[in-house]
Amino acid sequence: MPKKILIVEDNEKNRVLVRDILEYYGYKVLEATDGAEGVKMATEHMPDLILMDIQMPVMDGITAGKILKNDPGTKGIKIIALTSFVMKGDKEEILTAGFDDYLPKPINTRQLPKLVKKTLNE
């Protein structure tokens, strides 16, 4: 059974790019367009991994990630931040918030599948 990955990203072009890459590698992909929808979908579908944008409307990725990591039902789900926040200290702040890893934008299409496999211990 393929691993389920939830993409939480408000930018449609980024979402389509990531979805296409993940589907190519055989993953089942779910999509959400903001942090609140991402939290709801994660709770309902229990994905193996979440790729979470940080800057989004309704609820930002940091808040959504903290909610998921503080919920006993979803705290075990791995979360990778996909973000344009690449200033000194941004990665540390994201990892301190409970994220398992970090991938800067623009998304490196070669690095993404490697990071996903590493995070899922495949």
N, C-alpha and C. Protein backbone atom coordinates (compact mmCIF):
# COMPACT_ATOMS: atom_id res chain seq x y z
N MET A 1 0.85 -1.19 0.00
CA MET A 1 0.00 0.00 0.00
C MET A 1 0.89 1.25 0.00
N PRO A 2 0.64 2.18 -0.91
CA PRO A 2 1.51 3.37 -0.97
C PRO A 2 1.36 4.26 0.26
N LYS A 3 2.45 4.92 0.61
CA LYS A 3 2.43 5.86 1.75
C LYS A 3 1.61 7.08 1.35
N LYS A 4 0.89 7.63 2.34
CA LYS A 4 0.06 8.83 2.12
C LYS A 4 0.84 10.07 2.54
N ILE A 5 0.84 11.05 1.65
CA ILE A 5 1.50 12.32 1.94
C ILE A 5 0.50 13.45 1.74
N LEU A 6 0.38 14.30 2.75
CA LEU A 6 -0.49 15.47 2.69
C LEU A 6 0.35 16.70 2.36
N ILE A 7 -0.02 17.39 1.29
CA ILE A 7 0.63 18.65 0.92
C ILE A 7 -0.28 19.77 1.42
N VAL A 8 0.27 20.66 2.23
CA VAL A 8 -0.48 21.82 2.72
C VAL A 8 0.22 23.05 2.15
N GLU A 9 -0.38 23.62 1.10
CA GLU A 9 0.27 24.68 0.33
C GLU A 9 -0.79 25.52 -0.35
N ASP A 10 -0.73 26.85 -0.16
CA ASP A 10 -1.74 27.72 -0.76
C ASP A 10 -1.45 28.06 -2.22
N ASN A 11 -0.20 27.91 -2.66
CA ASN A 11 0.17 28.23 -4.04
C ASN A 11 -0.09 27.01 -4.93
N GLU A 12 -1.04 27.17 -5.85
CA GLU A 12 -1.44 26.04 -6.68
C GLU A 12 -0.29 25.48 -7.51
N LYS A 13 0.55 26.34 -8.07
CA LYS A 13 1.67 25.85 -8.89
C LYS A 13 2.63 25.00 -8.07
N ASN A 14 2.93 25.44 -6.86
CA ASN A 14 3.80 24.65 -5.98
C ASN A 14 3.14 23.32 -5.61
N ARG A 15 1.84 23.37 -5.33
CA ARG A 15 1.10 22.15 -4.96
C ARG A 15 1.12 21.14 -6.10
N VAL A 16 0.87 21.61 -7.32
CA VAL A 16 0.86 20.72 -8.49
C VAL A 16 2.24 20.13 -8.73
N LEU A 17 3.28 20.94 -8.61
CA LEU A 17 4.65 20.46 -8.81
C LEU A 17 4.98 19.35 -7.81
N VAL A 18 4.72 19.61 -6.53
CA VAL A 18 5.03 18.63 -5.49
C VAL A 18 4.18 17.37 -5.67
N ARG A 19 2.89 17.55 -5.96
CA ARG A 19 2.00 16.39 -6.19
C ARG A 19 2.51 15.53 -7.34
N ASP A 20 2.86 16.16 -8.44
CA ASP A 20 3.32 15.41 -9.61
C ASP A 20 4.59 14.61 -9.30
N ILE A 21 5.51 15.21 -8.58
CA ILE A 21 6.75 14.51 -8.21
C ILE A 21 6.44 13.32 -7.31
N LEU A 22 5.62 13.55 -6.29
CA LEU A 22 5.30 12.48 -5.34
C LEU A 22 4.52 11.34 -6.00
N GLU A 23 3.58 11.68 -6.86
CA GLU A 23 2.82 10.64 -7.56
C GLU A 23 3.72 9.84 -8.49
N TYR A 24 4.68 10.50 -9.11
CA TYR A 24 5.64 9.81 -9.97
C TYR A 24 6.39 8.73 -9.17
N TYR A 25 6.70 9.03 -7.91
CA TYR A 25 7.41 8.08 -7.06
C TYR A 25 6.48 7.10 -6.33
N GLY A 26 5.19 7.13 -6.68
CA GLY A 26 4.25 6.12 -6.18
C GLY A 26 3.53 6.43 -4.88
N TYR A 27 3.61 7.68 -4.42
CA TYR A 27 2.93 8.04 -3.19
C TYR A 27 1.48 8.43 -3.47
N LYS A 28 0.61 8.20 -2.48
CA LYS A 28 -0.78 8.68 -2.55
C LYS A 28 -0.77 10.09 -1.97
N VAL A 29 -1.29 11.05 -2.71
CA VAL A 29 -1.19 12.46 -2.32
C VAL A 29 -2.56 13.04 -1.96
N LEU A 30 -2.58 13.74 -0.82
CA LEU A 30 -3.75 14.50 -0.39
C LEU A 30 -3.33 15.96 -0.40
N GLU A 31 -4.29 16.87 -0.59
CA GLU A 31 -3.94 18.29 -0.68
C GLU A 31 -4.86 19.16 0.18
N ALA A 32 -4.25 20.18 0.78
CA ALA A 32 -4.98 21.20 1.53
C ALA A 32 -4.39 22.55 1.15
N THR A 33 -5.21 23.60 1.22
CA THR A 33 -4.77 24.92 0.76
C THR A 33 -4.45 25.92 1.87
N ASP A 34 -4.67 25.52 3.13
CA ASP A 34 -4.28 26.39 4.25
C ASP A 34 -4.07 25.52 5.49
N GLY A 35 -3.51 26.11 6.53
CA GLY A 35 -3.17 25.36 7.73
C GLY A 35 -4.36 24.73 8.43
N ALA A 36 -5.49 25.45 8.49
CA ALA A 36 -6.68 24.91 9.17
C ALA A 36 -7.19 23.68 8.43
N GLU A 37 -7.25 23.75 7.11
CA GLU A 37 -7.68 22.61 6.31
C GLU A 37 -6.67 21.47 6.45
N GLY A 38 -5.40 21.81 6.53
CA GLY A 38 -4.35 20.81 6.71
C GLY A 38 -4.49 20.05 8.01
N VAL A 39 -4.77 20.75 9.10
CA VAL A 39 -4.97 20.11 10.41
C VAL A 39 -6.16 19.17 10.34
N LYS A 40 -7.26 19.64 9.75
CA LYS A 40 -8.48 18.83 9.62
C LYS A 40 -8.21 17.56 8.81
N MET A 41 -7.53 17.71 7.67
CA MET A 41 -7.25 16.56 6.80
C MET A 41 -6.28 15.59 7.46
N ALA A 42 -5.28 16.13 8.17
CA ALA A 42 -4.31 15.26 8.84
C ALA A 42 -5.02 14.40 9.89
N THR A 43 -5.95 15.01 10.62
CA THR A 43 -6.69 14.30 11.67
C THR A 43 -7.59 13.23 11.06
N GLU A 44 -8.22 13.55 9.93
CA GLU A 44 -9.14 12.61 9.28
C GLU A 44 -8.43 11.48 8.55
N HIS A 45 -7.32 11.78 7.86
CA HIS A 45 -6.68 10.82 6.95
C HIS A 45 -5.40 10.19 7.50
N MET A 46 -4.84 10.74 8.58
CA MET A 46 -3.62 10.22 9.19
C MET A 46 -2.53 9.88 8.16
N PRO A 47 -2.03 10.89 7.45
CA PRO A 47 -0.98 10.63 6.45
C PRO A 47 0.32 10.19 7.12
N ASP A 48 1.20 9.59 6.33
CA ASP A 48 2.51 9.18 6.83
C ASP A 48 3.45 10.38 6.95
N LEU A 49 3.17 11.41 6.14
CA LEU A 49 4.04 12.59 6.08
C LEU A 49 3.21 13.80 5.65
N ILE A 50 3.58 14.97 6.18
CA ILE A 50 2.96 16.22 5.76
C ILE A 50 4.05 17.14 5.25
N LEU A 51 3.83 17.72 4.08
CA LEU A 51 4.70 18.76 3.54
C LEU A 51 3.94 20.06 3.73
N MET A 52 4.44 20.93 4.61
CA MET A 52 3.70 22.09 5.09
C MET A 52 4.37 23.40 4.69
N ASP A 53 3.65 24.22 3.94
CA ASP A 53 4.09 25.59 3.68
C ASP A 53 4.00 26.35 5.00
N ILE A 54 4.81 27.39 5.15
CA ILE A 54 4.79 28.16 6.40
C ILE A 54 3.87 29.38 6.27
N GLN A 55 3.96 30.13 5.19
CA GLN A 55 3.13 31.33 5.00
C GLN A 55 1.88 30.98 4.22
N MET A 56 0.73 30.95 4.92
CA MET A 56 -0.54 30.64 4.27
C MET A 56 -1.65 31.47 4.90
N PRO A 57 -2.76 31.64 4.16
CA PRO A 57 -3.92 32.33 4.75
C PRO A 57 -4.63 31.42 5.76
N VAL A 58 -5.55 31.98 6.49
CA VAL A 58 -6.39 31.31 7.49
C VAL A 58 -5.55 30.88 8.70
N MET A 59 -4.60 29.95 8.51
CA MET A 59 -3.71 29.52 9.58
C MET A 59 -2.33 29.23 8.98
N ASP A 60 -1.29 29.82 9.57
CA ASP A 60 0.07 29.60 9.04
C ASP A 60 0.56 28.21 9.39
N GLY A 61 1.62 27.80 8.73
CA GLY A 61 2.16 26.45 8.90
C GLY A 61 2.75 26.18 10.27
N ILE A 62 3.37 27.19 10.88
CA ILE A 62 3.95 27.00 12.22
C ILE A 62 2.83 26.66 13.21
N THR A 63 1.74 27.43 13.17
CA THR A 63 0.60 27.19 14.06
C THR A 63 0.01 25.80 13.80
N ALA A 64 -0.20 25.47 12.53
CA ALA A 64 -0.76 24.16 12.17
C ALA A 64 0.15 23.03 12.65
N GLY A 65 1.45 23.20 12.44
CA GLY A 65 2.41 22.18 12.87
C GLY A 65 2.39 21.98 14.37
N LYS A 66 2.32 23.08 15.13
CA LYS A 66 2.28 22.98 16.59
C LYS A 66 1.01 22.26 17.06
N ILE A 67 -0.12 22.56 16.42
CA ILE A 67 -1.39 21.90 16.77
C ILE A 67 -1.26 20.39 16.56
N LEU A 68 -0.71 20.00 15.41
CA LEU A 68 -0.57 18.58 15.10
C LEU A 68 0.43 17.89 16.03
N LYS A 69 1.53 18.54 16.35
CA LYS A 69 2.55 17.93 17.22
C LYS A 69 2.10 17.88 18.68
N ASN A 70 1.15 18.74 19.08
CA ASN A 70 0.65 18.73 20.45
C ASN A 70 -0.58 17.84 20.64
N ASP A 71 -1.10 17.28 19.55
CA ASP A 71 -2.26 16.40 19.61
C ASP A 71 -1.76 14.95 19.69
N PRO A 72 -2.13 14.21 20.74
CA PRO A 72 -1.66 12.83 20.87
C PRO A 72 -1.97 11.96 19.66
N GLY A 73 -3.06 12.25 18.97
CA GLY A 73 -3.45 11.45 17.81
C GLY A 73 -2.61 11.69 16.58
N THR A 74 -2.02 12.89 16.45
CA THR A 74 -1.27 13.23 15.23
C THR A 74 0.21 13.54 15.49
N LYS A 75 0.63 13.49 16.76
CA LYS A 75 2.00 13.92 17.07
C LYS A 75 3.08 13.07 16.40
N GLY A 76 2.74 11.84 16.02
CA GLY A 76 3.72 10.96 15.38
C GLY A 76 3.88 11.18 13.89
N ILE A 77 3.03 12.01 13.29
CA ILE A 77 3.13 12.27 11.85
C ILE A 77 4.35 13.16 11.59
N LYS A 78 5.20 12.74 10.66
CA LYS A 78 6.37 13.53 10.28
C LYS A 78 5.90 14.76 9.49
N ILE A 79 6.53 15.91 9.75
CA ILE A 79 6.18 17.14 9.03
C ILE A 79 7.46 17.80 8.51
N ILE A 80 7.47 18.07 7.22
CA ILE A 80 8.57 18.80 6.59
C ILE A 80 8.04 20.17 6.18
N ALA A 81 8.75 21.22 6.56
CA ALA A 81 8.38 22.57 6.15
C ALA A 81 8.87 22.83 4.73
N LEU A 82 8.01 23.38 3.90
CA LEU A 82 8.38 23.87 2.57
C LEU A 82 8.22 25.38 2.66
N THR A 83 9.32 26.11 2.59
CA THR A 83 9.18 27.53 2.86
C THR A 83 10.18 28.40 2.12
N SER A 84 9.76 29.64 1.90
CA SER A 84 10.66 30.63 1.32
C SER A 84 11.42 31.37 2.42
N PHE A 85 11.15 31.01 3.70
CA PHE A 85 11.89 31.60 4.82
C PHE A 85 13.27 30.97 4.87
N VAL A 86 14.26 31.66 4.34
CA VAL A 86 15.60 31.10 4.28
C VAL A 86 16.64 32.01 4.92
N MET A 87 16.20 32.92 5.74
CA MET A 87 17.13 33.81 6.43
C MET A 87 17.78 33.05 7.59
N LYS A 88 18.89 33.59 8.06
CA LYS A 88 19.60 32.97 9.19
C LYS A 88 18.63 32.86 10.37
N GLY A 89 18.54 31.69 10.95
CA GLY A 89 17.67 31.47 12.10
C GLY A 89 16.30 30.91 11.74
N ASP A 90 15.85 31.04 10.48
CA ASP A 90 14.53 30.54 10.10
C ASP A 90 14.43 29.02 10.24
N LYS A 91 15.45 28.30 9.75
CA LYS A 91 15.43 26.84 9.83
C LYS A 91 15.36 26.40 11.29
N GLU A 92 16.19 27.01 12.14
CA GLU A 92 16.22 26.64 13.55
C GLU A 92 14.85 26.89 14.21
N GLU A 93 14.23 28.02 13.86
CA GLU A 93 12.92 28.35 14.43
C GLU A 93 11.87 27.31 14.03
N ILE A 94 11.92 26.89 12.77
CA ILE A 94 10.97 25.90 12.26
C ILE A 94 11.19 24.54 12.93
N LEU A 95 12.44 24.13 13.06
CA LEU A 95 12.74 22.85 13.71
C LEU A 95 12.38 22.89 15.20
N THR A 96 12.60 24.02 15.84
CA THR A 96 12.24 24.19 17.25
C THR A 96 10.73 24.10 17.44
N ALA A 97 9.97 24.51 16.42
CA ALA A 97 8.50 24.45 16.49
C ALA A 97 7.97 23.02 16.38
N GLY A 98 8.87 22.06 16.11
CA GLY A 98 8.45 20.66 16.08
C GLY A 98 8.49 20.00 14.72
N PHE A 99 8.88 20.74 13.70
CA PHE A 99 8.97 20.16 12.36
C PHE A 99 10.14 19.18 12.31
N ASP A 100 10.01 18.14 11.49
CA ASP A 100 11.04 17.11 11.40
C ASP A 100 12.15 17.48 10.43
N ASP A 101 11.84 18.32 9.45
CA ASP A 101 12.86 18.79 8.51
C ASP A 101 12.36 20.01 7.80
N TYR A 102 13.16 20.48 6.85
CA TYR A 102 12.95 21.80 6.24
C TYR A 102 13.47 21.73 4.81
N LEU A 103 12.69 22.20 3.86
CA LEU A 103 13.13 22.27 2.46
C LEU A 103 12.82 23.67 1.94
N PRO A 104 13.86 24.43 1.59
CA PRO A 104 13.61 25.80 1.13
C PRO A 104 13.00 25.84 -0.27
N LYS A 105 12.28 26.94 -0.54
CA LYS A 105 11.75 27.21 -1.89
C LYS A 105 12.71 28.18 -2.56
N PRO A 106 12.82 28.18 -3.87
CA PRO A 106 12.09 27.28 -4.78
C PRO A 106 12.49 25.82 -4.53
N ILE A 107 11.52 24.94 -4.69
CA ILE A 107 11.70 23.53 -4.36
C ILE A 107 12.70 22.88 -5.32
N ASN A 108 13.68 22.22 -4.73
CA ASN A 108 14.65 21.45 -5.51
C ASN A 108 13.99 20.11 -5.83
N THR A 109 13.66 19.91 -7.10
CA THR A 109 12.88 18.73 -7.50
C THR A 109 13.69 17.44 -7.39
N ARG A 110 14.99 17.52 -7.30
CA ARG A 110 15.81 16.32 -7.08
C ARG A 110 15.94 16.01 -5.60
N GLN A 111 16.01 17.06 -4.79
CA GLN A 111 16.17 16.88 -3.35
C GLN A 111 14.88 16.42 -2.68
N LEU A 112 13.73 16.88 -3.19
CA LEU A 112 12.43 16.55 -2.56
C LEU A 112 12.22 15.05 -2.38
N PRO A 113 12.30 14.22 -3.45
CA PRO A 113 12.05 12.78 -3.24
C PRO A 113 13.07 12.13 -2.30
N LYS A 114 14.31 12.59 -2.32
CA LYS A 114 15.33 12.04 -1.42
C LYS A 114 14.98 12.36 0.03
N LEU A 115 14.55 13.60 0.29
CA LEU A 115 14.20 14.01 1.64
C LEU A 115 12.96 13.24 2.13
N VAL A 116 12.00 13.05 1.23
CA VAL A 116 10.78 12.30 1.58
C VAL A 116 11.15 10.86 1.95
N LYS A 117 11.97 10.20 1.14
CA LYS A 117 12.37 8.81 1.42
C LYS A 117 13.12 8.73 2.74
N LYS A 118 14.03 9.69 2.98
CA LYS A 118 14.80 9.72 4.23
C LYS A 118 13.87 9.88 5.43
N THR A 119 12.95 10.81 5.33
CA THR A 119 12.03 11.09 6.43
C THR A 119 11.11 9.91 6.72
N LEU A 120 10.71 9.20 5.69
CA LEU A 120 9.84 8.03 5.85
C LEU A 120 10.63 6.75 6.13
N ASN A 121 11.95 6.86 6.25
CA ASN A 121 12.83 5.71 6.50
C ASN A 121 12.67 4.63 5.43
N GLU A 122 12.62 5.03 4.17
CA GLU A 122 12.45 4.06 3.07
C GLU A 122 13.82 3.72 2.48
